[in-house]
């Protein structure tokens, strides 16, 4: 899942270079597509719905991830091999994120204790905040790696299809909240 050994060999050019703007747009589209794909898979895999919350205590099991990947990536005509690879990436990321869930719950309880104490421990609150930020950063790194790995599995055409579908979905969602 980790592609840390790969390096970008594209020479960097100044942002003011006339040909740089289209490249930035392409990169933004790739990252947006990858982000949407992982978030869609993650939310579907976690079983979130408006009526029952975030699903069972074990977050997303392999069966749920497989079903979510099949549902999401069938929309971009992913092959069975691509879906298998994406399922593996998603399961690996969730396995890394799963232990953080209990730690986050403990931190929420610690925050309640700090705020309910007879005297407010500002240093304790700051220590807890810093620890939570570090944990969020670690989780973000895991998700970013999974995003890149999933994006590499898809073809450029599939990434564009996913971007277009998610942009349409996001617009519908925004319209619901604007009215």
Foldseek 3Di string as FASTA:
>chain_A
DFPVVDDDPDDDDDPPPPVVVVVVVLVVLLLLLLLVLLVQLQQQQQVADPPPGRDDPQRGDLVSSLVSLCVLLVLLVADPVLSVQLSVLSVVLCVVCRVVVVVVVVLVVVVVVQVPDPDHDPVSVVVSVVVVVVSVVVNVVSSSRSSVSSSVSDDSSSSVSSSVVVVVVVVVVVVVVVD
